Each structure stands twice: as structure tokens, then as C-alpha cells.
PDB file of N, CA and C in Angstrom:
ATOM      1  N   UNK A   1     -30.646  22.764  20.116  1.00  0.00           N
ATOM      2  CA  UNK A   1     -30.424  23.223  18.835  1.00  0.00           C
ATOM      3  C   UNK A   1     -30.688  22.066  17.827  1.00  0.00           C
ATOM      4  N   UNK A   2     -31.148  22.466  16.706  1.00  0.00           N
ATOM      5  CA  UNK A   2     -31.405  21.527  15.649  1.00  0.00           C
ATOM      6  C   UNK A   2     -30.079  20.951  15.152  1.00  0.00           C
ATOM      7  N   UNK A   3     -29.997  19.656  14.877  1.00  0.00           N
ATOM      8  CA  UNK A   3     -28.700  19.059  14.436  1.00  0.00           C
ATOM      9  C   UNK A   3     -28.230  19.784  13.138  1.00  0.00           C
ATOM     10  N   UNK A   4     -26.937  19.956  13.091  1.00  0.00           N
ATOM     11  CA  UNK A   4     -26.240  20.546  11.957  1.00  0.00           C
ATOM     12  C   UNK A   4     -26.491  22.048  11.757  1.00  0.00           C
ATOM     13  N   UNK A   5     -27.193  22.724  12.644  1.00  0.00           N
ATOM     14  CA  UNK A   5     -27.341  24.158  12.498  1.00  0.00           C
ATOM     15  C   UNK A   5     -26.062  24.924  12.582  1.00  0.00           C
ATOM     16  N   UNK A   6     -25.168  24.502  13.410  1.00  0.00           N
ATOM     17  CA  UNK A   6     -23.842  25.176  13.516  1.00  0.00           C
ATOM     18  C   UNK A   6     -23.140  25.034  12.113  1.00  0.00           C
ATOM     19  N   UNK A   7     -23.220  23.905  11.516  1.00  0.00           N
ATOM     20  CA  UNK A   7     -22.629  23.648  10.221  1.00  0.00           C
ATOM     21  C   UNK A   7     -23.382  24.535   9.191  1.00  0.00           C
ATOM     22  N   UNK A   8     -24.661  24.625   9.225  1.00  0.00           N
ATOM     23  CA  UNK A   8     -25.367  25.489   8.321  1.00  0.00           C
ATOM     24  C   UNK A   8     -25.008  26.935   8.455  1.00  0.00           C
ATOM     25  N   UNK A   9     -24.833  27.387   9.623  1.00  0.00           N
ATOM     26  CA  UNK A   9     -24.403  28.786   9.920  1.00  0.00           C
ATOM     27  C   UNK A   9     -22.999  28.954   9.411  1.00  0.00           C
ATOM     28  N   UNK A  10     -22.131  28.023   9.627  1.00  0.00           N
ATOM     29  CA  UNK A  10     -20.752  28.118   9.131  1.00  0.00           C
ATOM     30  C   UNK A  10     -20.662  28.215   7.588  1.00  0.00           C
ATOM     31  N   UNK A  11     -21.509  27.431   6.882  1.00  0.00           N
ATOM     32  CA  UNK A  11     -21.595  27.471   5.462  1.00  0.00           C
ATOM     33  C   UNK A  11     -22.122  28.800   4.918  1.00  0.00           C
ATOM     34  N   UNK A  12     -23.098  29.317   5.524  1.00  0.00           N
ATOM     35  CA  UNK A  12     -23.670  30.590   5.137  1.00  0.00           C
ATOM     36  C   UNK A  12     -22.629  31.703   5.433  1.00  0.00           C
ATOM     37  N   UNK A  13     -21.950  31.641   6.546  1.00  0.00           N
ATOM     38  CA  UNK A  13     -20.943  32.676   6.835  1.00  0.00           C
ATOM     39  C   UNK A  13     -19.772  32.569   5.839  1.00  0.00           C
ATOM     40  N   UNK A  14     -19.345  31.404   5.534  1.00  0.00           N
ATOM     41  CA  UNK A  14     -18.250  31.209   4.561  1.00  0.00           C
ATOM     42  C   UNK A  14     -18.638  31.746   3.170  1.00  0.00           C
ATOM     43  N   UNK A  15     -19.846  31.480   2.779  1.00  0.00           N
ATOM     44  CA  UNK A  15     -20.335  31.928   1.418  1.00  0.00           C
ATOM     45  C   UNK A  15     -20.350  33.449   1.419  1.00  0.00           C
ATOM     46  N   UNK A  16     -20.888  34.043   2.508  1.00  0.00           N
ATOM     47  CA  UNK A  16     -20.891  35.500   2.538  1.00  0.00           C
ATOM     48  C   UNK A  16     -19.478  36.150   2.531  1.00  0.00           C
ATOM     49  N   UNK A  17     -18.606  35.538   3.334  1.00  0.00           N
ATOM     50  CA  UNK A  17     -17.199  36.064   3.388  1.00  0.00           C
ATOM     51  C   UNK A  17     -16.511  35.966   2.125  1.00  0.00           C
ATOM     52  N   UNK A  18     -16.678  34.903   1.346  1.00  0.00           N
ATOM     53  CA  UNK A  18     -16.048  34.725   0.065  1.00  0.00           C
ATOM     54  C   UNK A  18     -16.630  35.637  -1.023  1.00  0.00           C
ATOM     55  N   UNK A  19     -17.911  35.796  -1.019  1.00  0.00           N
ATOM     56  CA  UNK A  19     -18.596  36.615  -2.011  1.00  0.00           C
ATOM     57  C   UNK A  19     -18.557  38.123  -1.747  1.00  0.00           C
ATOM     58  N   UNK A  20     -18.600  38.481  -0.434  1.00  0.00           N
ATOM     59  CA  UNK A  20     -18.652  39.873  -0.033  1.00  0.00           C
ATOM     60  C   UNK A  20     -17.835  40.067   1.185  1.00  0.00           C
ATOM     61  N   UNK A  21     -16.524  40.199   1.081  1.00  0.00           N
ATOM     62  CA  UNK A  21     -15.630  40.254   2.235  1.00  0.00           C
ATOM     63  C   UNK A  21     -15.948  41.397   3.243  1.00  0.00           C
ATOM     64  N   UNK A  22     -16.512  42.480   2.722  1.00  0.00           N
ATOM     65  CA  UNK A  22     -16.899  43.560   3.656  1.00  0.00           C
ATOM     66  C   UNK A  22     -17.843  43.071   4.737  1.00  0.00           C
ATOM     67  N   UNK A  23     -18.847  42.254   4.354  1.00  0.00           N
ATOM     68  CA  UNK A  23     -19.762  41.728   5.357  1.00  0.00           C
ATOM     69  C   UNK A  23     -19.056  40.685   6.220  1.00  0.00           C
ATOM     70  N   UNK A  24     -18.199  39.940   5.585  1.00  0.00           N
ATOM     71  CA  UNK A  24     -17.460  38.936   6.306  1.00  0.00           C
ATOM     72  C   UNK A  24     -16.627  39.520   7.498  1.00  0.00           C
ATOM     73  N   UNK A  25     -16.039  40.645   7.224  1.00  0.00           N
ATOM     74  CA  UNK A  25     -15.289  41.312   8.341  1.00  0.00           C
ATOM     75  C   UNK A  25     -16.142  41.594   9.552  1.00  0.00           C
ATOM     76  N   UNK A  26     -17.346  42.136   9.350  1.00  0.00           N
ATOM     77  CA  UNK A  26     -18.197  42.419  10.434  1.00  0.00           C
ATOM     78  C   UNK A  26     -18.732  41.130  11.099  1.00  0.00           C
ATOM     79  N   UNK A  27     -18.950  40.111  10.281  1.00  0.00           N
ATOM     80  CA  UNK A  27     -19.569  38.905  10.764  1.00  0.00           C
ATOM     81  C   UNK A  27     -18.625  38.185  11.747  1.00  0.00           C
ATOM     82  N   UNK A  28     -17.304  38.181  11.413  1.00  0.00           N
ATOM     83  CA  UNK A  28     -16.326  37.464  12.295  1.00  0.00           C
ATOM     84  C   UNK A  28     -16.188  38.199  13.596  1.00  0.00           C
ATOM     85  N   UNK A  29     -16.569  39.473  13.684  1.00  0.00           N
ATOM     86  CA  UNK A  29     -16.379  40.189  14.948  1.00  0.00           C
ATOM     87  C   UNK A  29     -17.617  40.074  15.857  1.00  0.00           C
ATOM     88  N   UNK A  30     -18.698  39.456  15.342  1.00  0.00           N
ATOM     89  CA  UNK A  30     -19.932  39.293  16.059  1.00  0.00           C
ATOM     90  C   UNK A  30     -19.897  38.026  16.847  1.00  0.00           C
ATOM     91  N   UNK A  31     -20.445  38.018  18.091  1.00  0.00           N
ATOM     92  CA  UNK A  31     -20.695  36.825  18.830  1.00  0.00           C
ATOM     93  C   UNK A  31     -21.975  36.193  18.215  1.00  0.00           C
ATOM     94  N   UNK A  32     -22.075  34.919  18.286  1.00  0.00           N
ATOM     95  CA  UNK A  32     -23.205  34.241  17.683  1.00  0.00           C
ATOM     96  C   UNK A  32     -23.795  33.283  18.680  1.00  0.00           C
ATOM     97  N   UNK A  33     -25.061  33.395  18.896  1.00  0.00           N
ATOM     98  CA  UNK A  33     -25.752  32.590  19.895  1.00  0.00           C
ATOM     99  C   UNK A  33     -27.066  32.018  19.363  1.00  0.00           C
ATOM    100  N   UNK A  34     -27.364  30.763  19.642  1.00  0.00           N
ATOM    101  CA  UNK A  34     -28.612  30.170  19.294  1.00  0.00           C
ATOM    102  C   UNK A  34     -29.582  30.479  20.426  1.00  0.00           C
ATOM    103  N   UNK A  35     -30.736  31.104  20.118  1.00  0.00           N
ATOM    104  CA  UNK A  35     -31.735  31.499  21.059  1.00  0.00           C
ATOM    105  C   UNK A  35     -33.092  30.887  20.764  1.00  0.00           C
ATOM    106  N   UNK A  36     -33.350  29.784  21.442  1.00  0.00           N
ATOM    107  CA  UNK A  36     -34.593  29.072  21.139  1.00  0.00           C
ATOM    108  C   UNK A  36     -35.772  29.902  21.632  1.00  0.00           C
ATOM    109  N   UNK A  37     -36.766  29.996  20.764  1.00  0.00           N
ATOM    110  CA  UNK A  37     -37.985  30.802  21.034  1.00  0.00           C
ATOM    111  C   UNK A  37     -37.920  32.203  20.566  1.00  0.00           C
ATOM    112  N   UNK A  38     -36.795  32.646  20.004  1.00  0.00           N
ATOM    113  CA  UNK A  38     -36.638  34.024  19.470  1.00  0.00           C
ATOM    114  C   UNK A  38     -37.572  34.254  18.296  1.00  0.00           C
ATOM    115  N   UNK A  39     -37.727  33.242  17.523  1.00  0.00           N
ATOM    116  CA  UNK A  39     -38.644  33.328  16.404  1.00  0.00           C
ATOM    117  C   UNK A  39     -38.069  33.966  15.118  1.00  0.00           C
ATOM    118  N   UNK A  40     -36.831  34.488  15.196  1.00  0.00           N
ATOM    119  CA  UNK A  40     -36.168  35.107  14.082  1.00  0.00           C
ATOM    120  C   UNK A  40     -34.673  35.188  14.352  1.00  0.00           C
ATOM    121  N   UNK A  41     -34.041  36.168  13.744  1.00  0.00           N
ATOM    122  CA  UNK A  41     -32.646  36.429  14.031  1.00  0.00           C
ATOM    123  C   UNK A  41     -32.521  37.950  14.338  1.00  0.00           C
ATOM    124  N   UNK A  42     -31.560  38.356  15.125  1.00  0.00           N
ATOM    125  CA  UNK A  42     -31.419  39.743  15.474  1.00  0.00           C
ATOM    126  C   UNK A  42     -30.120  40.044  16.102  1.00  0.00           C
ATOM    127  N   UNK A  43     -29.781  41.298  16.116  1.00  0.00           N
ATOM    128  CA  UNK A  43     -28.526  41.718  16.801  1.00  0.00           C
ATOM    129  C   UNK A  43     -28.849  42.502  18.052  1.00  0.00           C
ATOM    130  N   UNK A  44     -27.930  42.436  19.051  1.00  0.00           N
ATOM    131  CA  UNK A  44     -28.103  43.209  20.237  1.00  0.00           C
ATOM    132  C   UNK A  44     -26.706  43.682  20.708  1.00  0.00           C
ATOM    133  N   UNK A  45     -26.738  44.886  21.286  1.00  0.00           N
ATOM    134  CA  UNK A  45     -25.463  45.413  21.764  1.00  0.00           C
ATOM    135  C   UNK A  45     -25.152  44.769  23.114  1.00  0.00           C
ATOM    136  N   UNK A  46     -23.846  44.324  23.255  1.00  0.00           N
ATOM    137  CA  UNK A  46     -23.481  43.698  24.532  1.00  0.00           C
ATOM    138  C   UNK A  46     -22.141  44.318  24.932  1.00  0.00           C
ATOM    139  N   UNK A  47     -22.174  45.276  25.795  1.00  0.00           N
ATOM    140  CA  UNK A  47     -20.963  45.958  26.170  1.00  0.00           C
ATOM    141  C   UNK A  47     -20.379  46.765  25.012  1.00  0.00           C
ATOM    142  N   UNK A  48     -19.164  46.413  24.663  1.00  0.00           N
ATOM    143  CA  UNK A  48     -18.558  47.109  23.477  1.00  0.00           C
ATOM    144  C   UNK A  48     -18.733  46.316  22.186  1.00  0.00           C
ATOM    145  N   UNK A  49     -19.396  45.157  22.251  1.00  0.00           N
ATOM    146  CA  UNK A  49     -19.609  44.351  21.061  1.00  0.00           C
ATOM    147  C   UNK A  49     -21.075  44.231  20.666  1.00  0.00           C
ATOM    148  N   UNK A  50     -21.277  43.450  19.641  1.00  0.00           N
ATOM    149  CA  UNK A  50     -22.643  43.181  19.154  1.00  0.00           C
ATOM    150  C   UNK A  50     -22.782  41.609  18.950  1.00  0.00           C
ATOM    151  N   UNK A  51     -23.837  41.039  19.443  1.00  0.00           N
ATOM    152  CA  UNK A  51     -24.104  39.638  19.333  1.00  0.00           C
ATOM    153  C   UNK A  51     -25.251  39.424  18.317  1.00  0.00           C
ATOM    154  N   UNK A  52     -25.144  38.312  17.557  1.00  0.00           N
ATOM    155  CA  UNK A  52     -26.127  37.859  16.663  1.00  0.00           C
ATOM    156  C   UNK A  52     -26.852  36.729  17.333  1.00  0.00           C
ATOM    157  N   UNK A  53     -28.153  36.832  17.517  1.00  0.00           N
ATOM    158  CA  UNK A  53     -28.934  35.785  18.088  1.00  0.00           C
ATOM    159  C   UNK A  53     -29.814  35.139  17.009  1.00  0.00           C
ATOM    160  N   UNK A  54     -29.859  33.850  16.956  1.00  0.00           N
ATOM    161  CA  UNK A  54     -30.613  33.172  15.875  1.00  0.00           C
ATOM    162  C   UNK A  54     -31.451  32.044  16.558  1.00  0.00           C
ATOM    163  N   UNK A  55     -32.785  32.064  16.258  1.00  0.00           N
ATOM    164  CA  UNK A  55     -33.608  30.980  16.663  1.00  0.00           C
ATOM    165  C   UNK A  55     -33.300  29.729  15.775  1.00  0.00           C
ATOM    166  N   UNK A  56     -32.918  28.604  16.401  1.00  0.00           N
ATOM    167  CA  UNK A  56     -32.562  27.474  15.576  1.00  0.00           C
ATOM    168  C   UNK A  56     -33.678  26.920  14.682  1.00  0.00           C
ATOM    169  N   UNK A  57     -34.899  26.972  15.164  1.00  0.00           N
ATOM    170  CA  UNK A  57     -36.074  26.508  14.392  1.00  0.00           C
ATOM    171  C   UNK A  57     -36.314  27.457  13.181  1.00  0.00           C
ATOM    172  N   UNK A  58     -36.163  28.734  13.409  1.00  0.00           N
ATOM    173  CA  UNK A  58     -36.296  29.717  12.300  1.00  0.00           C
ATOM    174  C   UNK A  58     -35.263  29.463  11.264  1.00  0.00           C
ATOM    175  N   UNK A  59     -34.002  29.300  11.699  1.00  0.00           N
ATOM    176  CA  UNK A  59     -32.827  29.071  10.796  1.00  0.00           C
ATOM    177  C   UNK A  59     -33.031  27.756   9.931  1.00  0.00           C
ATOM    178  N   UNK A  60     -33.543  26.731  10.598  1.00  0.00           N
ATOM    179  CA  UNK A  60     -33.702  25.433   9.929  1.00  0.00           C
ATOM    180  C   UNK A  60     -34.683  25.482   8.757  1.00  0.00           C
ATOM    181  N   UNK A  61     -35.588  26.457   8.760  1.00  0.00           N
ATOM    182  CA  UNK A  61     -36.629  26.523   7.715  1.00  0.00           C
ATOM    183  C   UNK A  61     -36.146  27.445   6.537  1.00  0.00           C
ATOM    184  N   UNK A  62     -34.919  27.959   6.556  1.00  0.00           N
ATOM    185  CA  UNK A  62     -34.430  28.872   5.531  1.00  0.00           C
ATOM    186  C   UNK A  62     -33.620  28.079   4.485  1.00  0.00           C
ATOM    187  N   UNK A  63     -33.709  28.627   3.248  1.00  0.00           N
ATOM    188  CA  UNK A  63     -32.854  28.079   2.183  1.00  0.00           C
ATOM    189  C   UNK A  63     -31.458  28.634   2.406  1.00  0.00           C
ATOM    190  N   UNK A  64     -30.431  28.009   1.866  1.00  0.00           N
ATOM    191  CA  UNK A  64     -29.053  28.528   2.025  1.00  0.00           C
ATOM    192  C   UNK A  64     -28.918  29.945   1.500  1.00  0.00           C
ATOM    193  N   UNK A  65     -29.582  30.280   0.395  1.00  0.00           N
ATOM    194  CA  UNK A  65     -29.463  31.648  -0.078  1.00  0.00           C
ATOM    195  C   UNK A  65     -30.163  32.657   0.903  1.00  0.00           C
ATOM    196  N   UNK A  66     -31.264  32.260   1.455  1.00  0.00           N
ATOM    197  CA  UNK A  66     -31.936  33.156   2.366  1.00  0.00           C
ATOM    198  C   UNK A  66     -31.084  33.304   3.694  1.00  0.00           C
ATOM    199  N   UNK A  67     -30.447  32.262   4.098  1.00  0.00           N
ATOM    200  CA  UNK A  67     -29.577  32.410   5.254  1.00  0.00           C
ATOM    201  C   UNK A  67     -28.499  33.457   5.052  1.00  0.00           C
ATOM    202  N   UNK A  68     -27.885  33.455   3.885  1.00  0.00           N
ATOM    203  CA  UNK A  68     -26.854  34.482   3.547  1.00  0.00           C
ATOM    204  C   UNK A  68     -27.561  35.870   3.602  1.00  0.00           C
ATOM    205  N   UNK A  69     -28.686  35.991   3.100  1.00  0.00           N
ATOM    206  CA  UNK A  69     -29.438  37.256   3.108  1.00  0.00           C
ATOM    207  C   UNK A  69     -29.737  37.725   4.542  1.00  0.00           C
ATOM    208  N   UNK A  70     -30.101  36.817   5.388  1.00  0.00           N
ATOM    209  CA  UNK A  70     -30.403  37.135   6.758  1.00  0.00           C
ATOM    210  C   UNK A  70     -29.086  37.632   7.441  1.00  0.00           C
ATOM    211  N   UNK A  71     -27.984  36.981   7.155  1.00  0.00           N
ATOM    212  CA  UNK A  71     -26.703  37.416   7.726  1.00  0.00           C
ATOM    213  C   UNK A  71     -26.394  38.852   7.317  1.00  0.00           C
ATOM    214  N   UNK A  72     -26.539  39.131   6.027  1.00  0.00           N
ATOM    215  CA  UNK A  72     -26.268  40.479   5.491  1.00  0.00           C
ATOM    216  C   UNK A  72     -27.203  41.512   6.127  1.00  0.00           C
ATOM    217  N   UNK A  73     -28.474  41.132   6.305  1.00  0.00           N
ATOM    218  CA  UNK A  73     -29.407  42.070   6.893  1.00  0.00           C
ATOM    219  C   UNK A  73     -29.052  42.383   8.324  1.00  0.00           C
ATOM    220  N   UNK A  74     -28.677  41.372   9.117  1.00  0.00           N
ATOM    221  CA  UNK A  74     -28.239  41.543  10.487  1.00  0.00           C
ATOM    222  C   UNK A  74     -26.961  42.309  10.651  1.00  0.00           C
ATOM    223  N   UNK A  75     -26.018  42.149   9.681  1.00  0.00           N
ATOM    224  CA  UNK A  75     -24.782  42.904   9.725  1.00  0.00           C
ATOM    225  C   UNK A  75     -25.068  44.371   9.402  1.00  0.00           C
ATOM    226  N   UNK A  76     -26.000  44.669   8.537  1.00  0.00           N
ATOM    227  CA  UNK A  76     -26.396  46.025   8.314  1.00  0.00           C
ATOM    228  C   UNK A  76     -27.036  46.611   9.548  1.00  0.00           C
ATOM    229  N   UNK A  77     -27.761  45.820  10.274  1.00  0.00           N
ATOM    230  CA  UNK A  77     -28.338  46.301  11.567  1.00  0.00           C
ATOM    231  C   UNK A  77     -27.226  46.582  12.536  1.00  0.00           C
ATOM    232  N   UNK A  78     -26.188  45.782  12.589  1.00  0.00           N
ATOM    233  CA  UNK A  78     -25.035  46.021  13.445  1.00  0.00           C
ATOM    234  C   UNK A  78     -24.380  47.267  13.114  1.00  0.00           C
ATOM    235  N   UNK A  79     -24.117  47.521  11.864  1.00  0.00           N
ATOM    236  CA  UNK A  79     -23.488  48.769  11.467  1.00  0.00           C
ATOM    237  C   UNK A  79     -24.289  49.952  11.929  1.00  0.00           C
ATOM    238  N   UNK A  80     -25.590  49.896  11.698  1.00  0.00           N
ATOM    239  CA  UNK A  80     -26.501  50.913  12.101  1.00  0.00           C
ATOM    240  C   UNK A  80     -26.532  51.136  13.631  1.00  0.00           C
ATOM    241  N   UNK A  81     -26.521  49.977  14.381  1.00  0.00           N
ATOM    242  CA  UNK A  81     -26.538  50.029  15.814  1.00  0.00           C
ATOM    243  C   UNK A  81     -25.306  50.659  16.380  1.00  0.00           C
ATOM    244  N   UNK A  82     -24.159  50.349  15.794  1.00  0.00           N
ATOM    245  CA  UNK A  82     -22.857  50.864  16.284  1.00  0.00           C
ATOM    246  C   UNK A  82     -22.760  52.343  15.892  1.00  0.00           C
ATOM    247  N   UNK A  83     -23.236  52.758  14.781  1.00  0.00           N
ATOM    248  CA  UNK A  83     -23.073  54.113  14.402  1.00  0.00           C
ATOM    249  C   UNK A  83     -23.999  55.101  15.098  1.00  0.00           C
ATOM    250  N   UNK A  84     -25.025  54.540  15.760  1.00  0.00           N
ATOM    251  CA  UNK A  84     -25.955  55.363  16.573  1.00  0.00           C
ATOM    252  C   UNK A  84     -25.612  55.365  18.030  1.00  0.00           C
ATOM    253  N   UNK A  85     -24.583  54.655  18.406  1.00  0.00           N
ATOM    254  CA  UNK A  85     -24.175  54.574  19.851  1.00  0.00           C
ATOM    255  C   UNK A  85     -23.528  55.841  20.328  1.00  0.00           C
TER     256      UNK A  85
END
């Protein structure tokens, strides 16, 4: 993992939770995993839950605002994934 990526993820998550609590609720329920070589971020269904996988190199190249946008996008994917189950 790239140094401070966990801190960067925590900052983006906190920003999203404070600005838009609806998304924050879903975000805290998701497992989060760094997946080297993924090339992006994405959600996957795991049993009864949903995990968020993020490529650390991909995440490192994003601005703080874009990171929040990526989290919102992936949460929307989670909602869609769960509603189609």
C-alpha cells in the first residue's frame, strides 16, 4: 500500500459522512480492502455484505474531491447491487 493511503481514505470518508450522511451510513457498513493491480475502485458482494476494493496506486493519483466522488459512485453501485439481489 502507498503510505498514508489509509489516512487519505479516512479523510475522504469523513468528508462524505459530514456533508452527506446518507452516503456515510452505507459507507460504514462496507468492508474496505486495498487491492493492488485492480486499476480502479469497485464493489463486490461478499455473502450478506458488500466490500469496497480500491487499488492503492489508483487512489494515490486522485484529488481529495475526486476521492469523495469515487466513494459516492461506489456506494450508489452498492445500493444497486443489493436491490438487485
